Amino acid sequence: MKVIGVAALVVVSLSCAFRSHAADGDSKETTIARDLQAFQGTWRLSSREQDGKKSSEEETKDVFGTMNESGAFSVRRGDKVIGAGRVKLDPSTNPKSVEITFTEGQHKGNTAPAIYEIEGDKFRVCCARPGDERPAEFSAKAGSGRTLVVYQREKK
């Protein structure tokens, strides 16, 4: 499983339920802080599609992501960290956008453009390869080079 897809899952892997607070008069920084707060916690990967190929249940099982209030994330399979980094959210775009910078794993040192939406205990991220254009929609069709991931909040 490629780290970029897993990280994308976590992000921010990480909008619909959180309508744009900036439109309500809140600052962009306030909206970013609210979205980062919504992403805090532990998330279980529920589905993944990369370049038109859906991952099997076996490939997605035991994959978890965590994110903290500053946008630092970690993705692991079981006890093994398979990717980590930092996200930079921009909730002022439609769809909401995110830059995913990898500090560990296969894509260490790269930044990938992505979009995200979070709704209650579920979020999805669609991520392009580093250097590619940011996706405009939540799809990972064959030949697109994109990864679409969905995470579900892990209940305590």
C-alpha atoms as a PDB file:
ATOM      1  CA  MET A   1       0.000   0.000   0.000  1.00  0.00           C
ATOM      2  CA  LYS A   2       1.476   3.323  -1.000  1.00  0.00           C
ATOM      3  CA  VAL A   3       2.073   5.810   1.778  1.00  0.00           C
ATOM      4  CA  ILE A   4       0.618   8.718  -0.180  1.00  0.00           C
ATOM      5  CA  GLY A   5      -2.781   7.065  -0.315  1.00  0.00           C
ATOM      6  CA  VAL A   6      -2.713   6.205   3.329  1.00  0.00           C
ATOM      7  CA  ALA A   7      -1.613   9.691   4.307  1.00  0.00           C
ATOM      8  CA  ALA A   8      -4.295  11.178   2.183  1.00  0.00           C
ATOM      9  CA  LEU A   9      -6.741   9.060   4.095  1.00  0.00           C
ATOM     10  CA  VAL A  10      -5.652  10.488   7.359  1.00  0.00           C
ATOM     11  CA  VAL A  11      -5.462  13.917   6.401  1.00  0.00           C
ATOM     12  CA  VAL A  12      -6.751  15.233   6.469  1.00  0.00           C
ATOM     13  CA  SER A  13      -7.109  11.859   5.354  1.00  0.00           C
ATOM     14  CA  LEU A  14      -9.215  14.856   7.264  1.00  0.00           C
ATOM     15  CA  SER A  15     -16.018  19.651   4.930  1.00  0.00           C
ATOM     16  CA  CYS A  16     -19.519  19.026   4.215  1.00  0.00           C
ATOM     17  CA  ALA A  17     -20.697  18.955   7.824  1.00  0.00           C
ATOM     18  CA  PHE A  18     -18.397  21.841   8.603  1.00  0.00           C
ATOM     19  CA  ARG A  19     -19.769  24.503   6.324  1.00  0.00           C
ATOM     20  CA  SER A  20     -17.445  27.374   5.666  1.00  0.00           C
ATOM     21  CA  HIS A  21     -17.198  29.325   8.882  1.00  0.00           C
ATOM     22  CA  ALA A  22     -15.331  31.989   6.940  1.00  0.00           C
ATOM     23  CA  ALA A  23     -18.599  32.663   5.143  1.00  0.00           C
ATOM     24  CA  ASP A  24     -20.169  33.263   8.558  1.00  0.00           C
ATOM     25  CA  GLY A  25     -17.645  35.983   9.322  1.00  0.00           C
ATOM     26  CA  ASP A  26     -14.979  33.845  10.993  1.00  0.00           C
ATOM     27  CA  SER A  27     -11.428  34.309   9.862  1.00  0.00           C
ATOM     28  CA  LYS A  28      -9.648  31.750   7.705  1.00  0.00           C
ATOM     29  CA  GLU A  29      -7.408  30.956  10.679  1.00  0.00           C
ATOM     30  CA  THR A  30     -10.438  30.250  12.874  1.00  0.00           C
ATOM     31  CA  THR A  31     -11.891  27.931  10.240  1.00  0.00           C
ATOM     32  CA  ILE A  32      -8.558  26.110   9.872  1.00  0.00           C
ATOM     33  CA  ALA A  33      -8.381  25.654  13.643  1.00  0.00           C
ATOM     34  CA  ARG A  34     -11.923  24.228  13.680  1.00  0.00           C
ATOM     35  CA  ASP A  35     -11.180  21.778  10.878  1.00  0.00           C
ATOM     36  CA  LEU A  36      -7.919  20.704  12.539  1.00  0.00           C
ATOM     37  CA  GLN A  37      -9.840  20.146  15.763  1.00  0.00           C
ATOM     38  CA  ALA A  38     -12.367  18.008  13.870  1.00  0.00           C
ATOM     39  CA  PHE A  39      -9.514  15.849  12.518  1.00  0.00           C
ATOM     40  CA  GLN A  40      -7.940  15.219  15.919  1.00  0.00           C
ATOM     41  CA  GLY A  41      -8.038  11.653  17.092  1.00  0.00           C
ATOM     42  CA  THR A  42      -7.688   8.171  15.683  1.00  0.00           C
ATOM     43  CA  TRP A  43      -9.197   7.153  12.355  1.00  0.00           C
ATOM     44  CA  ARG A  44      -9.613   3.715  10.764  1.00  0.00           C
ATOM     45  CA  LEU A  45      -9.172   3.395   7.010  1.00  0.00           C
ATOM     46  CA  SER A  46     -12.478   2.203   5.564  1.00  0.00           C
ATOM     47  CA  SER A  47     -11.771   2.372   1.817  1.00  0.00           C
ATOM     48  CA  ARG A  48      -9.022   3.254  -0.631  1.00  0.00           C
ATOM     49  CA  GLU A  49      -8.916   3.580  -4.398  1.00  0.00           C
ATOM     50  CA  GLN A  50      -5.742   4.426  -6.293  1.00  0.00           C
ATOM     51  CA  ASP A  51      -5.653   5.127 -10.003  1.00  0.00           C
ATOM     52  CA  GLY A  52      -8.904   3.214 -10.580  1.00  0.00           C
ATOM     53  CA  LYS A  53      -8.004   0.197  -8.427  1.00  0.00           C
ATOM     54  CA  LYS A  54      -9.898  -0.387  -5.200  1.00  0.00           C
ATOM     55  CA  SER A  55      -7.948  -1.832  -2.295  1.00  0.00           C
ATOM     56  CA  SER A  56      -9.145  -5.085  -0.806  1.00  0.00           C
ATOM     57  CA  GLU A  57     -10.451  -5.403   2.727  1.00  0.00           C
ATOM     58  CA  GLU A  58      -7.223  -7.222   3.596  1.00  0.00           C
ATOM     59  CA  GLU A  59      -5.149  -4.252   2.341  1.00  0.00           C
ATOM     60  CA  THR A  60      -7.111  -1.688   4.356  1.00  0.00           C
ATOM     61  CA  LYS A  61      -7.498  -3.656   7.561  1.00  0.00           C
ATOM     62  CA  ASP A  62      -5.411  -2.549  10.525  1.00  0.00           C
ATOM     63  CA  VAL A  63      -4.562   0.829   8.932  1.00  0.00           C
ATOM     64  CA  PHE A  64      -5.059   3.750  11.304  1.00  0.00           C
ATOM     65  CA  GLY A  65      -4.235   7.416  11.138  1.00  0.00           C
ATOM     66  CA  THR A  66      -3.901  10.025  13.846  1.00  0.00           C
ATOM     67  CA  MET A  67      -3.653  13.786  13.665  1.00  0.00           C
ATOM     68  CA  ASN A  68      -3.015  16.425  16.279  1.00  0.00           C
ATOM     69  CA  GLU A  69      -4.158  20.047  16.615  1.00  0.00           C
ATOM     70  CA  SER A  70      -1.110  21.391  14.766  1.00  0.00           C
ATOM     71  CA  GLY A  71      -1.679  19.237  11.665  1.00  0.00           C
ATOM     72  CA  ALA A  72       0.967  16.596  12.347  1.00  0.00           C
ATOM     73  CA  PHE A  73      -0.207  13.148  11.281  1.00  0.00           C
ATOM     74  CA  SER A  74       0.934   9.568  11.430  1.00  0.00           C
ATOM     75  CA  VAL A  75      -0.358   6.532   9.545  1.00  0.00           C
ATOM     76  CA  ARG A  76       0.354   3.025  10.739  1.00  0.00           C
ATOM     77  CA  ARG A  77      -0.470  -0.545   9.911  1.00  0.00           C
ATOM     78  CA  GLY A  78      -0.687  -2.339  13.204  1.00  0.00           C
ATOM     79  CA  ASP A  79       2.305  -1.090  15.216  1.00  0.00           C
ATOM     80  CA  LYS A  80       4.383  -0.039  12.192  1.00  0.00           C
ATOM     81  CA  VAL A  81       4.438   3.614  11.085  1.00  0.00           C
ATOM     82  CA  ILE A  82       4.116   3.653   7.299  1.00  0.00           C
ATOM     83  CA  GLY A  83       3.898   7.403   6.824  1.00  0.00           C
ATOM     84  CA  ALA A  84       3.975  10.663   8.715  1.00  0.00           C
ATOM     85  CA  GLY A  85       4.046  14.352   8.043  1.00  0.00           C
ATOM     86  CA  ARG A  86       2.162  17.575   8.325  1.00  0.00           C
ATOM     87  CA  VAL A  87      -0.892  19.012   6.614  1.00  0.00           C
ATOM     88  CA  LYS A  88      -1.665  22.598   5.698  1.00  0.00           C
ATOM     89  CA  LEU A  89      -5.418  23.116   5.304  1.00  0.00           C
ATOM     90  CA  ASP A  90      -7.133  25.748   3.173  1.00  0.00           C
ATOM     91  CA  PRO A  91     -10.878  25.635   3.882  1.00  0.00           C
ATOM     92  CA  SER A  92     -11.493  28.768   1.789  1.00  0.00           C
ATOM     93  CA  THR A  93     -11.440  26.800  -1.483  1.00  0.00           C
ATOM     94  CA  ASN A  94     -14.238  24.677  -2.924  1.00  0.00           C
ATOM     95  CA  PRO A  95     -13.637  21.827  -2.431  1.00  0.00           C
ATOM     96  CA  LYS A  96     -11.446  22.455   0.607  1.00  0.00           C
ATOM     97  CA  SER A  97      -7.776  21.950  -0.168  1.00  0.00           C
ATOM     98  CA  VAL A  98      -4.800  20.594   1.713  1.00  0.00           C
ATOM     99  CA  GLU A  99      -1.053  20.293   1.145  1.00  0.00           C
ATOM    100  CA  ILE A 100       0.375  17.060   2.557  1.00  0.00           C
ATOM    101  CA  THR A 101       4.101  17.209   3.354  1.00  0.00           C
ATOM    102  CA  PHE A 102       5.699  13.857   4.152  1.00  0.00           C
ATOM    103  CA  THR A 103       8.404  13.598   6.804  1.00  0.00           C
ATOM    104  CA  GLU A 104       8.521   9.793   6.999  1.00  0.00           C
ATOM    105  CA  GLY A 105       7.821   6.913   4.667  1.00  0.00           C
ATOM    106  CA  GLN A 106       8.137   6.303   0.956  1.00  0.00           C
ATOM    107  CA  HIS A 107       7.366   9.919  -0.019  1.00  0.00           C
ATOM    108  CA  LYS A 108       9.554  11.580   2.629  1.00  0.00           C
ATOM    109  CA  GLY A 109      10.488  15.098   1.550  1.00  0.00           C
ATOM    110  CA  ASN A 110       7.625  15.442  -0.960  1.00  0.00           C
ATOM    111  CA  THR A 111       4.452  17.512  -0.817  1.00  0.00           C
ATOM    112  CA  ALA A 112       1.230  16.336  -2.462  1.00  0.00           C
ATOM    113  CA  PRO A 113      -1.778  18.510  -3.337  1.00  0.00           C
ATOM    114  CA  ALA A 114      -5.160  17.198  -2.198  1.00  0.00           C
ATOM    115  CA  ILE A 115      -8.750  18.064  -1.373  1.00  0.00           C
ATOM    116  CA  TYR A 116     -10.683  17.041   1.734  1.00  0.00           C
ATOM    117  CA  GLU A 117     -14.088  16.921   3.311  1.00  0.00           C
ATOM    118  CA  ILE A 118     -15.066  15.934   6.805  1.00  0.00           C
ATOM    119  CA  GLU A 119     -18.552  15.065   7.939  1.00  0.00           C
ATOM    120  CA  GLY A 120     -19.020  14.026  11.553  1.00  0.00           C
ATOM    121  CA  ASP A 121     -17.101  10.795  12.137  1.00  0.00           C
ATOM    122  CA  LYS A 122     -16.094  10.307   8.506  1.00  0.00           C
ATOM    123  CA  PHE A 123     -13.660  12.090   6.228  1.00  0.00           C
ATOM    124  CA  ARG A 124     -12.319  11.624   2.761  1.00  0.00           C
ATOM    125  CA  VAL A 125      -9.288  12.922   0.950  1.00  0.00           C
ATOM    126  CA  CYS A 126      -8.431  12.848  -2.726  1.00  0.00           C
ATOM    127  CA  CYS A 127      -4.733  13.235  -3.291  1.00  0.00           C
ATOM    128  CA  ALA A 128      -2.634  13.794  -6.417  1.00  0.00           C
ATOM    129  CA  ARG A 129       0.946  12.660  -6.770  1.00  0.00           C
ATOM    130  CA  PRO A 130       3.602  15.190  -5.729  1.00  0.00           C
ATOM    131  CA  GLY A 131       4.062  17.604  -8.630  1.00  0.00           C
ATOM    132  CA  ASP A 132       0.653  16.893 -10.195  1.00  0.00           C
ATOM    133  CA  GLU A 133      -2.312  19.275 -10.250  1.00  0.00           C
ATOM    134  CA  ARG A 134      -4.646  19.324  -7.279  1.00  0.00           C
ATOM    135  CA  PRO A 135      -7.793  17.210  -7.857  1.00  0.00           C
ATOM    136  CA  ALA A 136     -10.986  19.158  -8.493  1.00  0.00           C
ATOM    137  CA  GLU A 137     -13.284  16.275  -7.542  1.00  0.00           C
ATOM    138  CA  PHE A 138     -13.322  13.265  -5.230  1.00  0.00           C
ATOM    139  CA  SER A 139     -12.425  10.552  -7.716  1.00  0.00           C
ATOM    140  CA  ALA A 140      -9.450   8.322  -8.493  1.00  0.00           C
ATOM    141  CA  LYS A 141     -10.270   7.048 -11.982  1.00  0.00           C
ATOM    142  CA  ALA A 142      -7.844   4.863 -13.903  1.00  0.00           C
ATOM    143  CA  GLY A 143      -5.084   6.969 -15.416  1.00  0.00           C
ATOM    144  CA  SER A 144      -5.640   9.889 -13.030  1.00  0.00           C
ATOM    145  CA  GLY A 145      -2.730   9.042 -10.732  1.00  0.00           C
ATOM    146  CA  ARG A 146      -4.932  10.054  -7.798  1.00  0.00           C
ATOM    147  CA  THR A 147      -5.750   8.300  -4.557  1.00  0.00           C
ATOM    148  CA  LEU A 148      -9.120   8.569  -2.821  1.00  0.00           C
ATOM    149  CA  VAL A 149      -9.337   7.434   0.772  1.00  0.00           C
ATOM    150  CA  VAL A 150     -12.118   7.360   3.358  1.00  0.00           C
ATOM    151  CA  TYR A 151     -11.571   7.130   7.108  1.00  0.00           C
ATOM    152  CA  GLN A 152     -14.015   6.485   9.923  1.00  0.00           C
ATOM    153  CA  ARG A 153     -13.413   7.846  13.430  1.00  0.00           C
ATOM    154  CA  GLU A 154     -12.361   5.115  15.814  1.00  0.00           C
ATOM    155  CA  LYS A 155     -14.754   4.914  18.761  1.00  0.00           C
ATOM    156  CA  LYS A 156     -13.193   4.839  22.219  1.00  0.00           C
END
